[in-house]
N, C-alpha and C. Protein backbone atom coordinates (compact mmCIF):
# COMPACT_ATOMS: atom_id res chain seq x y z
N UNK A 1 1.15 -1.02 0.08
CA UNK A 1 -0.19 0.06 -0.23
C UNK A 1 0.67 1.16 0.22
N UNK A 2 0.55 2.01 -0.61
CA UNK A 2 0.92 3.36 -0.97
C UNK A 2 0.63 4.56 -0.64
N UNK A 3 1.83 5.27 0.68
CA UNK A 3 1.29 6.52 1.50
C UNK A 3 1.06 7.82 0.67
N UNK A 4 -0.13 8.23 0.98
CA UNK A 4 -0.35 9.39 0.62
C UNK A 4 -0.22 10.68 1.59
N UNK A 5 0.40 11.64 1.04
CA UNK A 5 0.56 12.87 2.02
C UNK A 5 0.04 13.92 1.40
N UNK A 6 -0.24 14.79 2.16
CA UNK A 6 -0.78 16.35 1.81
C UNK A 6 -0.07 16.73 1.19
N UNK A 7 -0.60 17.58 0.21
CA UNK A 7 0.36 18.32 -0.42
C UNK A 7 1.14 19.44 0.21
N UNK A 8 2.48 19.71 -0.08
CA UNK A 8 3.10 20.52 0.53
C UNK A 8 2.81 22.31 0.09
N UNK A 9 2.77 22.94 1.24
CA UNK A 9 2.57 24.16 1.03
C UNK A 9 3.90 24.92 0.78
N UNK A 10 3.91 25.85 -0.23
CA UNK A 10 5.18 26.68 -1.16
C UNK A 10 5.66 27.25 0.39
N UNK A 11 6.71 27.12 0.43
CA UNK A 11 7.92 27.76 1.47
C UNK A 11 8.00 29.30 1.51
N UNK A 12 7.92 29.93 2.70
CA UNK A 12 8.53 31.60 2.07
C UNK A 12 9.11 32.00 2.37
N UNK A 13 9.92 32.64 1.59
CA UNK A 13 11.51 32.39 1.76
C UNK A 13 12.05 33.49 2.84
N UNK A 14 13.30 33.36 3.15
CA UNK A 14 13.61 34.32 4.70
C UNK A 14 14.00 35.66 3.92
N UNK A 15 13.81 36.69 4.98
CA UNK A 15 14.20 37.83 4.62
C UNK A 15 12.53 38.57 4.97
N UNK A 16 13.04 40.02 4.56
CA UNK A 16 11.62 40.78 4.60
C UNK A 16 11.08 41.44 3.80
N UNK A 17 10.05 41.39 3.80
CA UNK A 17 9.04 41.87 2.30
C UNK A 17 9.40 43.80 2.33
N UNK A 18 9.10 44.11 1.01
CA UNK A 18 9.26 45.64 0.90
C UNK A 18 8.59 46.36 2.04
N UNK A 19 7.10 46.14 2.64
CA UNK A 19 6.61 46.46 3.55
C UNK A 19 7.21 46.77 4.66
N UNK A 20 7.92 45.40 5.45
CA UNK A 20 8.38 45.42 6.44
C UNK A 20 9.63 46.49 6.32
N UNK A 21 10.31 46.48 5.12
CA UNK A 21 11.58 47.41 5.21
C UNK A 21 11.37 49.10 5.16
N UNK A 22 10.14 49.17 4.21
CA UNK A 22 9.53 50.76 4.51
C UNK A 22 9.39 51.14 5.99
N UNK A 23 8.25 50.22 6.49
CA UNK A 23 8.04 50.85 8.17
C UNK A 23 9.36 50.64 8.68
N UNK A 24 10.13 50.19 8.94
CA UNK A 24 11.38 50.60 9.65
C UNK A 24 11.96 51.46 8.98
N UNK A 25 12.40 51.62 7.99
CA UNK A 25 12.56 53.17 7.97
C UNK A 25 12.25 53.99 8.04
N UNK A 26 10.50 54.20 8.03
CA UNK A 26 9.66 55.10 8.82
C UNK A 26 10.26 55.65 10.11
N UNK A 27 10.25 54.22 10.67
CA UNK A 27 10.47 54.65 12.29
C UNK A 27 12.30 55.15 12.62
N UNK A 28 13.14 54.30 12.02
CA UNK A 28 14.36 55.00 11.91
C UNK A 28 14.56 56.38 11.57
N UNK A 29 13.89 56.87 10.53
CA UNK A 29 13.92 58.30 10.03
C UNK A 29 13.26 59.35 10.99
N UNK A 30 12.14 58.91 11.50
CA UNK A 30 11.67 59.62 12.67
C UNK A 30 12.30 59.75 14.16
N UNK A 31 12.88 58.23 14.26
CA UNK A 31 13.65 58.65 15.51
C UNK A 31 14.94 59.69 15.29
N UNK A 32 15.62 59.04 14.20
CA UNK A 32 17.03 60.30 13.74
C UNK A 32 15.87 61.93 13.66
N UNK A 33 15.38 62.27 13.18
CA UNK A 33 15.11 63.46 13.38
C UNK A 33 14.58 63.62 14.61
N UNK A 34 13.99 63.14 15.56
CA UNK A 34 14.25 63.92 17.01
C UNK A 34 15.29 64.05 17.54
N UNK A 35 16.51 63.29 17.37
CA UNK A 35 17.26 62.78 18.07
C UNK A 35 17.93 64.71 17.43
N UNK A 36 18.00 64.81 16.26
CA UNK A 36 18.64 65.95 15.80
C UNK A 36 17.79 66.99 16.20
N UNK A 37 16.90 67.33 16.58
CA UNK A 37 15.73 68.37 16.74
C UNK A 37 16.58 68.56 18.29
N UNK A 38 16.99 67.44 19.05
CA UNK A 38 17.32 67.14 20.29
C UNK A 38 18.61 67.62 20.29
N UNK A 39 19.55 67.61 19.92
CA UNK A 39 21.05 67.94 19.60
C UNK A 39 20.62 69.70 18.97
N UNK A 40 20.11 69.93 18.58
CA UNK A 40 19.96 71.38 18.07
C UNK A 40 20.06 72.32 19.50
N UNK A 41 18.61 71.72 19.74
CA UNK A 41 17.82 72.41 21.19
C UNK A 41 18.72 72.61 22.13
N UNK A 42 19.57 71.27 22.59
CA UNK A 42 21.30 71.38 23.77
C UNK A 42 22.23 72.36 23.32
N UNK A 43 22.26 72.86 21.85
CA UNK A 43 23.49 73.57 21.36
C UNK A 43 22.83 74.59 21.48
N UNK A 44 21.90 74.89 21.39
CA UNK A 44 21.46 76.23 21.60
C UNK A 44 21.32 77.06 23.11
N UNK A 45 20.64 75.62 23.84
CA UNK A 45 20.66 75.83 25.75
C UNK A 45 22.23 75.87 25.79
N UNK A 46 23.23 75.85 25.57
CA UNK A 46 24.63 75.86 25.81
C UNK A 46 25.17 77.05 25.73
N UNK A 47 24.74 77.35 24.27
CA UNK A 47 25.22 78.60 23.96
C UNK A 47 24.64 79.87 24.95
N UNK A 48 23.63 79.42 24.84
CA UNK A 48 22.69 80.66 26.28
C UNK A 48 23.35 80.73 27.27
N UNK A 49 23.86 79.78 27.76
CA UNK A 49 24.44 79.42 29.28
C UNK A 49 25.89 79.94 29.42
N UNK A 50 26.40 80.06 27.96
CA UNK A 50 27.76 80.42 28.01
C UNK A 50 27.84 81.81 28.24
N UNK A 51 26.75 82.54 27.20
CA UNK A 51 27.03 83.72 27.43
C UNK A 51 26.73 84.33 28.80
N UNK A 52 25.45 83.68 29.29
CA UNK A 52 25.19 83.91 30.74
C UNK A 52 26.29 83.77 31.62
N UNK A 53 27.48 82.77 31.40
CA UNK A 53 28.49 82.45 32.37
C UNK A 53 29.23 83.72 32.33
N UNK A 54 29.51 83.90 30.73
CA UNK A 54 30.65 84.90 30.55
C UNK A 54 30.21 86.53 31.01
N UNK A 55 28.85 86.85 30.94
CA UNK A 55 28.30 88.04 31.15
C UNK A 55 28.17 88.03 33.04
N UNK A 56 28.18 86.98 33.39
CA UNK A 56 28.00 87.21 34.80
C UNK A 56 29.50 87.53 35.72
N UNK A 57 30.51 86.81 34.93
CA UNK A 57 32.07 87.46 35.16
C UNK A 57 32.39 88.60 34.82
N UNK A 58 31.81 89.17 33.80
CA UNK A 58 32.00 90.63 33.29
C UNK A 58 31.39 91.41 34.31
N UNK A 59 30.31 91.15 34.86
CA UNK A 59 29.98 92.12 36.02
C UNK A 59 30.34 91.81 37.14
N UNK A 60 30.72 90.41 37.79
CA UNK A 60 31.36 90.23 39.02
C UNK A 60 32.72 91.05 39.13
N UNK A 61 33.35 90.97 37.61
CA UNK A 61 34.84 91.66 37.45
C UNK A 61 34.38 93.72 38.31
N UNK A 62 33.40 93.80 37.42
CA UNK A 62 33.42 95.34 38.27
C UNK A 62 33.18 95.62 39.27
N UNK A 63 32.17 94.65 39.95
CA UNK A 63 31.93 95.01 41.26
C UNK A 63 32.89 94.53 41.98
N UNK A 64 33.79 93.33 42.06
CA UNK A 64 34.64 93.19 42.69
C UNK A 64 36.35 94.17 42.81
N UNK A 65 35.99 94.88 41.10
CA UNK A 65 36.90 96.37 41.35
C UNK A 65 36.40 97.44 42.20
N UNK A 66 35.49 97.35 42.13
CA UNK A 66 34.91 98.30 43.31
C UNK A 66 35.10 98.29 44.21
N UNK A 67 34.75 96.93 44.96
CA UNK A 67 35.05 96.41 46.39
C UNK A 67 36.41 96.40 46.50
N UNK A 68 37.61 96.45 45.78
CA UNK A 68 38.82 96.10 46.07
C UNK A 68 39.75 97.41 46.39
N UNK A 69 39.43 98.52 45.22
CA UNK A 69 39.87 99.66 45.25
C UNK A 69 39.47 100.90 46.37
N UNK A 70 38.60 100.21 46.72
CA UNK A 70 37.34 101.03 48.20
C UNK A 70 36.83 102.18 47.19
N UNK A 71 36.09 101.85 46.04
CA UNK A 71 35.84 103.49 45.34
C UNK A 71 34.27 103.42 45.88
N UNK A 72 34.06 105.19 45.76
CA UNK A 72 32.65 105.56 46.28
C UNK A 72 32.83 106.17 44.96
N UNK A 73 31.90 105.04 44.15
CA UNK A 73 31.63 105.68 42.95
C UNK A 73 30.56 107.07 42.87
N UNK A 74 30.28 107.47 41.75
CA UNK A 74 29.71 108.60 41.49
C UNK A 74 28.23 108.26 41.14
N UNK A 75 27.44 109.23 41.75
CA UNK A 75 26.09 108.81 41.14
C UNK A 75 25.79 108.57 39.12
N UNK A 76 25.17 108.23 38.94
CA UNK A 76 24.78 107.93 37.52
C UNK A 76 24.92 107.23 36.55
N UNK A 77 24.74 107.04 35.36
CA UNK A 77 24.96 105.56 34.78
C UNK A 77 25.91 105.99 33.91
N UNK A 78 26.90 105.09 33.21
CA UNK A 78 28.04 105.09 32.46
C UNK A 78 27.91 103.73 31.35
N UNK A 79 28.02 103.52 30.65
CA UNK A 79 28.71 102.04 29.72
C UNK A 79 29.93 102.27 29.17
N UNK A 80 30.50 100.80 29.60
CA UNK A 80 31.82 100.74 29.04
C UNK A 80 31.92 99.27 28.53
N UNK A 81 32.73 98.65 27.42
CA UNK A 81 32.30 97.39 26.86
C UNK A 81 33.66 96.63 27.69
N UNK A 82 32.70 95.06 27.98
CA UNK A 82 33.54 94.01 29.08
C UNK A 82 33.88 92.77 28.17
N UNK A 83 34.37 92.50 27.33
CA UNK A 83 34.37 91.25 26.38
C UNK A 83 35.16 90.17 27.27
N UNK A 84 34.48 89.07 27.04
CA UNK A 84 34.96 88.33 27.83
C UNK A 84 34.88 86.93 26.47
N UNK A 85 36.44 86.96 26.00
CA UNK A 85 37.03 86.14 25.12
C UNK A 85 36.58 86.60 23.77
N UNK A 86 36.11 85.65 23.03
CA UNK A 86 35.28 85.91 21.72
C UNK A 86 33.95 87.10 21.39
N UNK A 87 33.32 86.79 23.17
CA UNK A 87 32.21 87.10 23.21
C UNK A 87 32.42 88.93 23.37
N UNK A 88 31.44 89.61 22.94
CA UNK A 88 31.56 91.10 22.77
C UNK A 88 30.41 91.58 23.66
N UNK A 89 30.73 92.11 24.58
CA UNK A 89 29.70 92.37 25.45
C UNK A 89 29.86 94.17 26.01
N UNK A 90 28.70 94.37 26.76
CA UNK A 90 28.44 95.96 27.10
C UNK A 90 28.25 95.85 28.32
N UNK A 91 28.50 96.60 29.40
CA UNK A 91 28.15 96.47 30.78
C UNK A 91 27.64 98.02 31.04
N UNK A 92 26.69 98.31 31.99
CA UNK A 92 26.08 99.11 31.36
C UNK A 92 26.08 99.24 33.43
N UNK A 93 26.50 100.82 33.98
CA UNK A 93 26.39 100.72 35.17
C UNK A 93 26.00 102.22 36.12
N UNK A 94 24.96 101.60 36.61
CA UNK A 94 24.32 102.89 37.17
C UNK A 94 24.14 102.65 39.25
N UNK A 95 24.53 103.70 39.48
CA UNK A 95 24.72 104.30 40.77
C UNK A 95 23.92 105.17 41.55
N UNK A 96 22.96 104.71 42.58
CA UNK A 96 22.04 105.51 42.77
C UNK A 96 22.28 105.42 43.98
N UNK A 97 21.41 106.49 45.01
CA UNK A 97 21.19 106.38 46.25
C UNK A 97 20.70 105.68 47.26
N UNK A 98 21.00 105.60 48.44
CA UNK A 98 20.18 104.63 49.41
C UNK A 98 20.04 105.50 50.59
N UNK A 99 19.03 104.88 51.11
CA UNK A 99 18.23 105.76 52.42
C UNK A 99 19.52 106.06 53.16
N UNK A 100 20.23 105.42 53.57
CA UNK A 100 21.65 105.59 54.18
C UNK A 100 22.74 106.72 53.50
N UNK A 101 23.40 107.97 53.78
CA UNK A 101 24.01 108.53 53.09
C UNK A 101 25.42 107.86 52.73
N UNK A 102 25.67 106.50 53.62
CA UNK A 102 26.86 106.31 53.78
C UNK A 102 27.24 105.02 52.70
N UNK A 103 26.07 104.51 51.97
CA UNK A 103 25.91 103.53 51.35
C UNK A 103 25.62 103.99 49.82
N UNK A 104 25.96 103.13 48.62
CA UNK A 104 25.51 103.73 47.88
C UNK A 104 25.25 102.27 46.93
N UNK A 105 24.09 102.20 45.80
CA UNK A 105 23.75 101.08 45.38
C UNK A 105 24.60 101.05 43.94
N UNK A 106 24.97 99.84 43.85
CA UNK A 106 25.63 99.61 42.33
C UNK A 106 25.15 98.93 41.37
N UNK A 107 24.26 99.00 40.42
CA UNK A 107 23.78 97.89 39.68
C UNK A 107 24.40 98.36 37.96
N UNK A 108 24.89 96.56 37.90
CA UNK A 108 25.68 96.14 36.72
C UNK A 108 24.99 95.34 35.55
N UNK A 109 24.64 96.10 34.51
CA UNK A 109 24.06 95.51 33.66
C UNK A 109 24.77 94.82 32.54
N UNK A 110 24.32 93.64 31.80
CA UNK A 110 25.39 93.04 31.00
C UNK A 110 24.77 92.97 29.61
N UNK A 111 25.18 93.57 28.32
CA UNK A 111 24.54 93.06 27.34
C UNK A 111 25.04 92.46 26.24
N UNK A 112 24.49 92.16 25.53
CA UNK A 112 25.44 91.95 24.20
C UNK A 112 25.47 92.86 23.34
N UNK A 113 26.78 92.94 22.74
CA UNK A 113 27.47 94.30 21.89
C UNK A 113 26.17 94.41 20.70
N UNK A 114 25.89 95.54 20.55
CA UNK A 114 24.54 96.28 19.25
C UNK A 114 23.24 95.51 19.61
N UNK A 115 22.83 95.01 21.09
CA UNK A 115 21.46 94.65 21.46
C UNK A 115 21.54 95.07 22.78
N UNK A 116 21.29 96.31 22.93
CA UNK A 116 20.96 97.15 24.39
C UNK A 116 19.94 96.58 25.22
N UNK A 117 18.82 96.15 24.22
CA UNK A 117 17.42 96.17 24.74
C UNK A 117 17.44 94.82 25.42
N UNK A 118 18.59 93.37 25.00
CA UNK A 118 18.27 91.90 25.70
C UNK A 118 19.72 92.38 26.73
N UNK A 119 19.30 92.26 27.74
CA UNK A 119 20.03 92.13 28.92
C UNK A 119 20.19 90.79 29.56
N UNK A 120 21.50 90.64 29.47
CA UNK A 120 21.74 89.12 29.59
C UNK A 120 21.67 89.17 31.20
N UNK A 121 22.13 89.64 31.94
CA UNK A 121 22.35 89.43 33.86
C UNK A 121 22.34 90.91 34.05
N UNK A 122 22.06 91.08 35.40
CA UNK A 122 22.01 92.32 36.70
C UNK A 122 22.46 91.73 38.07
N UNK A 123 23.52 92.62 37.95
CA UNK A 123 24.12 92.17 39.54
C UNK A 123 23.83 93.73 40.24
N UNK A 124 23.73 93.19 41.62
CA UNK A 124 23.58 94.52 42.36
C UNK A 124 24.40 94.70 43.55
N UNK A 125 24.87 95.82 44.05
CA UNK A 125 25.67 95.31 45.22
C UNK A 125 25.71 96.85 45.76
N UNK A 126 25.52 96.98 47.26
CA UNK A 126 25.72 98.12 48.17
C UNK A 126 26.97 98.32 48.47
N UNK A 127 27.62 99.63 48.22
CA UNK A 127 29.03 100.10 48.34
C UNK A 127 28.93 100.79 49.94
N UNK A 128 30.10 100.94 50.66
CA UNK A 128 30.02 101.50 51.57
C UNK A 128 31.47 102.24 51.28
N UNK A 129 30.99 103.92 51.94
CA UNK A 129 32.06 105.07 52.35
C UNK A 129 33.04 104.57 52.76
N UNK A 130 34.41 104.39 52.18
CA UNK A 130 35.31 104.21 52.58
C UNK A 130 36.38 104.93 53.15
N UNK A 131 35.42 106.16 53.47
CA UNK A 131 36.37 107.18 54.25
C UNK A 131 37.06 107.09 55.58
């Protein structure tokens, strides 16, 4: 007696279909696009933090200079260049009176050169009369 086997099904070849490859490419492309946006955002944030740090150094330099020289700054407002490295900054110093005549309030604001409407940082210090 002869045995009868059921007909064999065609074997599926090993590999991916075109649709599977396209779906994988869309997923990888979306992930790469999101990664590039995140890297760009981090770069912009680091530039802002660097500018803020440099501006803080410029303002601290001026306030330290006043403290160390025991200056009694004159009332009023003045601007001067205060670059840090390749970053061109402009410092604006304003000296105002306090309720106690033996003290003056010194405010140092730092701006990007050419952009006096966008203040990066402002530091304030009270200076005693060094007489």
